[in-house]
Amino acid sequence: MSFLFQARVDTLNEKVSELVSKNERLIEERNAMLERRNENLRQTSEQTHDVLSKIQQQKTTLETDFTAVSSELSTAQRHLTVLRQSERELKENLEKTEKQLVEAREELEGSKTAHAVTEERSKKLEKALRDERAARKV
């Protein structure tokens, strides 16, 4: 019985030893897997941090560009307002000048007509004067 008992103890010891070895191997594999996972997480975290830093730099650049463009737009809008005001003033001046030109043309036509009438009258008077002088000589 002692032999059987000893054989059984030996068999159980071998099984326990195998289970302990298997457990150690599984623990080592799990630890290795956890280390790989932790390393992957660390790398991912670093990459995410780098990407986030780049995005923040781009955001800062875009905000600076946006501010500059907004300022340029504001300046352009003010300039456009000034140009529109100038355009209105020039149109008003053009309209006034066109009216003055029409009035001056009308006045010129009236003056030409008056001059023609005066000249015609002057010629008639000169002819009448010549006729009268000629009649006195005779």
N, C-alpha and C. Protein backbone atom coordinates (compact mmCIF):
# COMPACT_ATOMS: atom_id res chain seq x y z
N MET A 1 0.80 -1.16 0.00
CA MET A 1 0.00 0.00 0.00
C MET A 1 0.86 1.25 0.00
N SER A 2 1.83 1.23 0.62
CA SER A 2 2.77 2.33 0.70
C SER A 2 3.33 2.62 -0.66
N PHE A 3 3.56 1.56 -1.46
CA PHE A 3 4.08 1.74 -2.79
C PHE A 3 3.02 2.42 -3.65
N LEU A 4 1.79 1.96 -3.56
CA LEU A 4 0.70 2.55 -4.32
C LEU A 4 0.44 3.98 -3.85
N PHE A 5 0.51 4.16 -2.58
CA PHE A 5 0.31 5.49 -2.03
C PHE A 5 1.39 6.43 -2.53
N GLN A 6 2.62 5.94 -2.48
CA GLN A 6 3.75 6.73 -2.93
C GLN A 6 3.62 7.02 -4.43
N ALA A 7 3.20 6.03 -5.22
CA ALA A 7 3.03 6.20 -6.65
C ALA A 7 1.94 7.23 -6.91
N ARG A 8 0.92 7.14 -6.15
CA ARG A 8 -0.17 8.11 -6.30
C ARG A 8 0.29 9.50 -5.92
N VAL A 9 1.03 9.65 -4.85
CA VAL A 9 1.56 10.94 -4.41
C VAL A 9 2.49 11.48 -5.50
N ASP A 10 3.34 10.60 -6.03
CA ASP A 10 4.26 11.02 -7.10
C ASP A 10 3.47 11.50 -8.32
N THR A 11 2.42 10.77 -8.68
CA THR A 11 1.60 11.14 -9.83
C THR A 11 0.94 12.49 -9.57
N LEU A 12 0.41 12.63 -8.37
CA LEU A 12 -0.23 13.91 -8.02
C LEU A 12 0.80 15.04 -7.98
N ASN A 13 1.99 14.73 -7.45
CA ASN A 13 3.06 15.74 -7.42
C ASN A 13 3.45 16.16 -8.85
N GLU A 14 3.52 15.17 -9.76
CA GLU A 14 3.83 15.50 -11.16
C GLU A 14 2.74 16.37 -11.76
N LYS A 15 1.47 16.02 -11.48
CA LYS A 15 0.38 16.82 -12.00
C LYS A 15 0.42 18.24 -11.42
N VAL A 16 0.67 18.32 -10.13
CA VAL A 16 0.77 19.65 -9.48
C VAL A 16 1.93 20.42 -10.09
N SER A 17 3.06 19.73 -10.29
CA SER A 17 4.23 20.36 -10.88
C SER A 17 3.91 20.84 -12.30
N GLU A 18 3.23 20.00 -13.07
CA GLU A 18 2.83 20.38 -14.43
C GLU A 18 1.89 21.58 -14.39
N LEU A 19 0.92 21.53 -13.44
CA LEU A 19 -0.03 22.64 -13.31
C LEU A 19 0.69 23.92 -12.88
N VAL A 20 1.64 23.81 -11.98
CA VAL A 20 2.42 24.98 -11.53
C VAL A 20 3.22 25.52 -12.71
N SER A 21 3.88 24.63 -13.48
CA SER A 21 4.65 25.05 -14.66
C SER A 21 3.73 25.72 -15.68
N LYS A 22 2.59 25.08 -15.91
CA LYS A 22 1.64 25.64 -16.86
C LYS A 22 1.14 27.00 -16.37
N ASN A 23 0.84 27.09 -15.07
CA ASN A 23 0.37 28.34 -14.48
C ASN A 23 1.45 29.42 -14.61
N GLU A 24 2.73 29.07 -14.34
CA GLU A 24 3.83 30.03 -14.46
C GLU A 24 3.97 30.51 -15.90
N ARG A 25 3.87 29.56 -16.84
CA ARG A 25 3.98 29.90 -18.26
C ARG A 25 2.82 30.83 -18.65
N LEU A 26 1.60 30.51 -18.21
CA LEU A 26 0.45 31.35 -18.51
C LEU A 26 0.59 32.74 -17.88
N ILE A 27 1.12 32.78 -16.66
CA ILE A 27 1.35 34.06 -15.99
C ILE A 27 2.40 34.87 -16.76
N GLU A 28 3.48 34.21 -17.20
CA GLU A 28 4.52 34.90 -17.98
C GLU A 28 3.95 35.40 -19.31
N GLU A 29 3.13 34.56 -19.96
CA GLU A 29 2.50 34.99 -21.22
C GLU A 29 1.56 36.17 -20.99
N ARG A 30 0.80 36.09 -19.89
CA ARG A 30 -0.13 37.19 -19.56
C ARG A 30 0.66 38.45 -19.25
N ASN A 31 1.74 38.30 -18.49
CA ASN A 31 2.56 39.47 -18.16
C ASN A 31 3.17 40.07 -19.44
N ALA A 32 3.64 39.19 -20.33
CA ALA A 32 4.21 39.67 -21.60
C ALA A 32 3.13 40.38 -22.42
N MET A 33 1.95 39.80 -22.44
CA MET A 33 0.85 40.42 -23.18
C MET A 33 0.49 41.77 -22.56
N LEU A 34 0.43 41.84 -21.23
CA LEU A 34 0.14 43.10 -20.55
C LEU A 34 1.24 44.14 -20.81
N GLU A 35 2.48 43.70 -20.84
CA GLU A 35 3.58 44.63 -21.15
C GLU A 35 3.45 45.16 -22.57
N ARG A 36 3.13 44.24 -23.53
CA ARG A 36 2.92 44.69 -24.91
C ARG A 36 1.75 45.67 -24.98
N ARG A 37 0.68 45.34 -24.29
CA ARG A 37 -0.49 46.21 -24.26
C ARG A 37 -0.14 47.57 -23.67
N ASN A 38 0.59 47.55 -22.55
CA ASN A 38 1.01 48.81 -21.93
C ASN A 38 1.91 49.61 -22.87
N GLU A 39 2.80 48.94 -23.57
CA GLU A 39 3.70 49.61 -24.52
C GLU A 39 2.88 50.20 -25.68
N ASN A 40 1.93 49.41 -26.18
CA ASN A 40 1.05 49.91 -27.24
C ASN A 40 0.26 51.13 -26.76
N LEU A 41 -0.27 51.05 -25.55
CA LEU A 41 -1.01 52.18 -24.98
C LEU A 41 -0.11 53.40 -24.83
N ARG A 42 1.12 53.19 -24.39
CA ARG A 42 2.07 54.29 -24.24
C ARG A 42 2.36 54.93 -25.59
N GLN A 43 2.62 54.07 -26.61
CA GLN A 43 2.90 54.58 -27.94
C GLN A 43 1.70 55.34 -28.52
N THR A 44 0.54 54.73 -28.33
CA THR A 44 -0.69 55.38 -28.81
C THR A 44 -0.89 56.71 -28.09
N SER A 45 -0.63 56.72 -26.81
CA SER A 45 -0.78 57.95 -26.04
C SER A 45 0.21 59.02 -26.54
N GLU A 46 1.45 58.62 -26.81
CA GLU A 46 2.44 59.56 -27.34
C GLU A 46 2.02 60.08 -28.71
N GLN A 47 1.55 59.16 -29.56
CA GLN A 47 1.12 59.56 -30.90
C GLN A 47 -0.07 60.52 -30.81
N THR A 48 -1.01 60.18 -29.93
CA THR A 48 -2.18 61.03 -29.75
C THR A 48 -1.75 62.41 -29.24
N HIS A 49 -0.81 62.42 -28.32
CA HIS A 49 -0.29 63.69 -27.79
C HIS A 49 0.38 64.50 -28.90
N ASP A 50 1.18 63.82 -29.73
CA ASP A 50 1.85 64.51 -30.85
C ASP A 50 0.82 65.08 -31.83
N VAL A 51 -0.18 64.25 -32.17
CA VAL A 51 -1.23 64.71 -33.09
C VAL A 51 -1.98 65.89 -32.48
N LEU A 52 -2.29 65.79 -31.21
CA LEU A 52 -3.00 66.87 -30.53
C LEU A 52 -2.16 68.14 -30.52
N SER A 53 -0.87 68.01 -30.28
CA SER A 53 0.02 69.19 -30.30
C SER A 53 0.04 69.82 -31.68
N LYS A 54 0.13 68.99 -32.73
CA LYS A 54 0.12 69.52 -34.11
C LYS A 54 -1.20 70.21 -34.41
N ILE A 55 -2.29 69.59 -33.98
CA ILE A 55 -3.61 70.19 -34.22
C ILE A 55 -3.72 71.52 -33.48
N GLN A 56 -3.21 71.58 -32.26
CA GLN A 56 -3.25 72.84 -31.51
C GLN A 56 -2.40 73.91 -32.20
N GLN A 57 -1.25 73.51 -32.76
CA GLN A 57 -0.42 74.46 -33.49
C GLN A 57 -1.15 74.94 -34.74
N GLN A 58 -1.79 74.01 -35.45
CA GLN A 58 -2.56 74.39 -36.64
C GLN A 58 -3.70 75.32 -36.26
N LYS A 59 -4.35 75.01 -35.14
CA LYS A 59 -5.45 75.85 -34.68
C LYS A 59 -4.94 77.26 -34.40
N THR A 60 -3.80 77.36 -33.73
CA THR A 60 -3.22 78.67 -33.44
C THR A 60 -2.89 79.41 -34.72
N THR A 61 -2.29 78.69 -35.68
CA THR A 61 -1.96 79.30 -36.97
C THR A 61 -3.22 79.76 -37.68
N LEU A 62 -4.24 78.91 -37.70
CA LEU A 62 -5.50 79.26 -38.35
C LEU A 62 -6.17 80.45 -37.67
N GLU A 63 -6.11 80.49 -36.34
CA GLU A 63 -6.70 81.61 -35.62
C GLU A 63 -5.95 82.90 -35.96
N THR A 64 -4.62 82.82 -36.05
CA THR A 64 -3.81 83.99 -36.42
C THR A 64 -4.16 84.43 -37.84
N ASP A 65 -4.22 83.46 -38.75
CA ASP A 65 -4.58 83.77 -40.14
C ASP A 65 -5.99 84.36 -40.20
N PHE A 66 -6.91 83.78 -39.45
CA PHE A 66 -8.28 84.27 -39.44
C PHE A 66 -8.34 85.71 -38.94
N THR A 67 -7.59 85.99 -37.89
CA THR A 67 -7.55 87.35 -37.36
C THR A 67 -7.00 88.32 -38.40
N ALA A 68 -5.93 87.91 -39.08
CA ALA A 68 -5.34 88.77 -40.11
C ALA A 68 -6.31 88.99 -41.26
N VAL A 69 -6.95 87.92 -41.71
CA VAL A 69 -7.91 88.02 -42.82
C VAL A 69 -9.12 88.86 -42.40
N SER A 70 -9.56 88.68 -41.17
CA SER A 70 -10.68 89.48 -40.67
C SER A 70 -10.32 90.96 -40.65
N SER A 71 -9.10 91.24 -40.23
CA SER A 71 -8.64 92.62 -40.22
C SER A 71 -8.57 93.19 -41.64
N GLU A 72 -8.04 92.39 -42.57
CA GLU A 72 -7.97 92.82 -43.97
C GLU A 72 -9.38 93.04 -44.52
N LEU A 73 -10.29 92.14 -44.18
CA LEU A 73 -11.68 92.26 -44.65
C LEU A 73 -12.30 93.54 -44.10
N SER A 74 -12.07 93.81 -42.83
CA SER A 74 -12.61 95.02 -42.22
C SER A 74 -12.06 96.26 -42.92
N THR A 75 -10.75 96.25 -43.19
CA THR A 75 -10.13 97.37 -43.89
C THR A 75 -10.72 97.50 -45.29
N ALA A 76 -10.89 96.39 -45.98
CA ALA A 76 -11.45 96.41 -47.33
C ALA A 76 -12.90 96.92 -47.30
N GLN A 77 -13.66 96.53 -46.29
CA GLN A 77 -15.04 96.99 -46.18
C GLN A 77 -15.10 98.49 -45.93
N ARG A 78 -14.18 98.99 -45.08
CA ARG A 78 -14.13 100.44 -44.85
C ARG A 78 -13.76 101.16 -46.14
N HIS A 79 -12.79 100.61 -46.86
CA HIS A 79 -12.37 101.20 -48.13
C HIS A 79 -13.52 101.18 -49.13
N LEU A 80 -14.25 100.08 -49.18
CA LEU A 80 -15.40 99.97 -50.06
C LEU A 80 -16.46 101.01 -49.71
N THR A 81 -16.69 101.23 -48.43
CA THR A 81 -17.65 102.24 -47.99
C THR A 81 -17.21 103.63 -48.47
N VAL A 82 -15.92 103.91 -48.32
CA VAL A 82 -15.39 105.20 -48.78
C VAL A 82 -15.55 105.32 -50.30
N LEU A 83 -15.24 104.24 -51.02
CA LEU A 83 -15.38 104.26 -52.48
C LEU A 83 -16.84 104.46 -52.90
N ARG A 84 -17.75 103.81 -52.20
CA ARG A 84 -19.17 103.97 -52.53
C ARG A 84 -19.62 105.41 -52.28
N GLN A 85 -19.16 105.99 -51.17
CA GLN A 85 -19.49 107.38 -50.88
C GLN A 85 -18.92 108.29 -51.97
N SER A 86 -17.69 108.04 -52.36
CA SER A 86 -17.07 108.82 -53.44
C SER A 86 -17.85 108.65 -54.73
N GLU A 87 -18.27 107.42 -55.01
CA GLU A 87 -19.05 107.16 -56.21
C GLU A 87 -20.35 107.96 -56.20
N ARG A 88 -21.05 107.97 -55.03
CA ARG A 88 -22.30 108.73 -54.92
C ARG A 88 -22.03 110.22 -55.18
N GLU A 89 -20.97 110.73 -54.55
CA GLU A 89 -20.64 112.14 -54.72
C GLU A 89 -20.30 112.44 -56.18
N LEU A 90 -19.54 111.55 -56.81
CA LEU A 90 -19.19 111.77 -58.21
C LEU A 90 -20.42 111.71 -59.11
N LYS A 91 -21.34 110.80 -58.82
CA LYS A 91 -22.58 110.72 -59.60
C LYS A 91 -23.38 112.00 -59.43
N GLU A 92 -23.46 112.49 -58.18
CA GLU A 92 -24.20 113.73 -57.95
C GLU A 92 -23.55 114.88 -58.71
N ASN A 93 -22.22 114.95 -58.65
CA ASN A 93 -21.50 116.00 -59.38
C ASN A 93 -21.71 115.86 -60.88
N LEU A 94 -21.70 114.62 -61.37
CA LEU A 94 -21.92 114.38 -62.80
C LEU A 94 -23.31 114.85 -63.21
N GLU A 95 -24.32 114.52 -62.39
CA GLU A 95 -25.68 114.93 -62.69
C GLU A 95 -25.78 116.46 -62.71
N LYS A 96 -25.16 117.12 -61.72
CA LYS A 96 -25.18 118.58 -61.67
C LYS A 96 -24.49 119.16 -62.91
N THR A 97 -23.34 118.58 -63.24
CA THR A 97 -22.58 119.06 -64.39
C THR A 97 -23.36 118.85 -65.68
N GLU A 98 -24.02 117.69 -65.80
CA GLU A 98 -24.83 117.42 -66.99
C GLU A 98 -25.97 118.44 -67.09
N LYS A 99 -26.62 118.75 -65.95
CA LYS A 99 -27.69 119.76 -65.95
C LYS A 99 -27.12 121.12 -66.37
N GLN A 100 -25.96 121.47 -65.81
CA GLN A 100 -25.34 122.74 -66.16
C GLN A 100 -24.98 122.77 -67.64
N LEU A 101 -24.52 121.63 -68.16
CA LEU A 101 -24.17 121.54 -69.58
C LEU A 101 -25.40 121.75 -70.45
N VAL A 102 -26.52 121.11 -70.07
CA VAL A 102 -27.77 121.27 -70.82
C VAL A 102 -28.19 122.74 -70.76
N GLU A 103 -28.12 123.34 -69.56
CA GLU A 103 -28.49 124.75 -69.41
C GLU A 103 -27.58 125.64 -70.25
N ALA A 104 -26.26 125.32 -70.22
CA ALA A 104 -25.32 126.13 -71.00
C ALA A 104 -25.59 125.97 -72.49
N ARG A 105 -25.92 124.78 -72.95
CA ARG A 105 -26.24 124.56 -74.37
C ARG A 105 -27.49 125.34 -74.75
N GLU A 106 -28.50 125.27 -73.85
CA GLU A 106 -29.73 126.01 -74.12
C GLU A 106 -29.44 127.50 -74.18
N GLU A 107 -28.62 127.96 -73.23
CA GLU A 107 -28.25 129.37 -73.21
C GLU A 107 -27.47 129.74 -74.46
N LEU A 108 -26.56 128.85 -74.87
CA LEU A 108 -25.78 129.09 -76.08
C LEU A 108 -26.69 129.17 -77.30
N GLU A 109 -27.64 128.24 -77.39
CA GLU A 109 -28.59 128.26 -78.51
C GLU A 109 -29.38 129.56 -78.49
N GLY A 110 -29.83 129.96 -77.30
CA GLY A 110 -30.57 131.21 -77.17
C GLY A 110 -29.70 132.39 -77.59
N SER A 111 -28.45 132.36 -77.16
CA SER A 111 -27.52 133.44 -77.51
C SER A 111 -27.26 133.46 -79.00
N LYS A 112 -27.10 132.27 -79.59
CA LYS A 112 -26.87 132.20 -81.04
C LYS A 112 -28.08 132.76 -81.77
N THR A 113 -29.27 132.36 -81.31
CA THR A 113 -30.49 132.85 -81.93
C THR A 113 -30.58 134.38 -81.78
N ALA A 114 -30.33 134.85 -80.56
CA ALA A 114 -30.37 136.30 -80.31
C ALA A 114 -29.33 137.01 -81.15
N HIS A 115 -28.14 136.41 -81.25
CA HIS A 115 -27.05 137.00 -82.04
C HIS A 115 -27.47 137.06 -83.52
N ALA A 116 -28.07 135.97 -83.99
CA ALA A 116 -28.51 135.93 -85.39
C ALA A 116 -29.56 137.01 -85.64
N VAL A 117 -30.51 137.13 -84.70
CA VAL A 117 -31.55 138.15 -84.82
C VAL A 117 -30.92 139.53 -84.80
N THR A 118 -30.00 139.74 -83.84
CA THR A 118 -29.33 141.03 -83.72
C THR A 118 -28.52 141.33 -84.97
N GLU A 119 -27.83 140.33 -85.47
CA GLU A 119 -27.01 140.52 -86.66
C GLU A 119 -27.90 140.84 -87.87
N GLU A 120 -29.01 140.14 -87.98
CA GLU A 120 -29.94 140.39 -89.07
C GLU A 120 -30.49 141.80 -88.97
N ARG A 121 -30.83 142.18 -87.76
CA ARG A 121 -31.36 143.53 -87.53
C ARG A 121 -30.29 144.57 -87.85
N SER A 122 -29.05 144.25 -87.42
CA SER A 122 -27.94 145.16 -87.68
C SER A 122 -27.73 145.33 -89.18
N LYS A 123 -27.82 144.25 -89.92
CA LYS A 123 -27.65 144.31 -91.38
C LYS A 123 -28.76 145.15 -92.00
N LYS A 124 -29.99 144.94 -91.53
CA LYS A 124 -31.11 145.71 -92.05
C LYS A 124 -30.91 147.19 -91.76
N LEU A 125 -30.46 147.47 -90.51
CA LEU A 125 -30.25 148.87 -90.15
C LEU A 125 -29.12 149.49 -90.97
N GLU A 126 -28.04 148.69 -91.16
CA GLU A 126 -26.93 149.19 -91.98
C GLU A 126 -27.41 149.44 -93.41
N LYS A 127 -28.22 148.56 -93.95
CA LYS A 127 -28.73 148.72 -95.31
C LYS A 127 -29.63 149.95 -95.39
N ALA A 128 -30.46 150.07 -94.34
CA ALA A 128 -31.36 151.21 -94.31
C ALA A 128 -30.53 152.50 -94.23
N LEU A 129 -29.48 152.49 -93.44
CA LEU A 129 -28.61 153.65 -93.30
C LEU A 129 -27.94 153.96 -94.63
N ARG A 130 -27.46 152.95 -95.33
CA ARG A 130 -26.81 153.14 -96.63
C ARG A 130 -27.81 153.68 -97.65
N ASP A 131 -28.99 153.10 -97.60
CA ASP A 131 -30.02 153.55 -98.54
C ASP A 131 -30.36 155.03 -98.28
N GLU A 132 -30.45 155.35 -96.97
CA GLU A 132 -30.78 156.73 -96.62
C GLU A 132 -29.66 157.66 -97.02
N ARG A 133 -28.43 157.27 -96.82
CA ARG A 133 -27.27 158.09 -97.21
C ARG A 133 -27.24 158.21 -98.74
N ALA A 134 -27.54 157.15 -99.40
CA ALA A 134 -27.53 157.20 -100.86
C ALA A 134 -28.67 158.10 -101.35
N ALA A 135 -29.79 158.06 -100.65
CA ALA A 135 -30.90 158.88 -101.04
C ALA A 135 -30.60 160.36 -100.77
N ARG A 136 -29.86 160.66 -99.77
CA ARG A 136 -29.49 162.04 -99.45
C ARG A 136 -28.49 162.55 -100.47
N LYS A 137 -27.64 161.73 -100.98
CA LYS A 137 -26.64 162.16 -101.96
C LYS A 137 -27.31 162.46 -103.29
N VAL A 138 -28.27 161.85 -103.54
CA VAL A 138 -28.90 162.03 -104.86
C VAL A 138 -29.72 163.24 -104.87
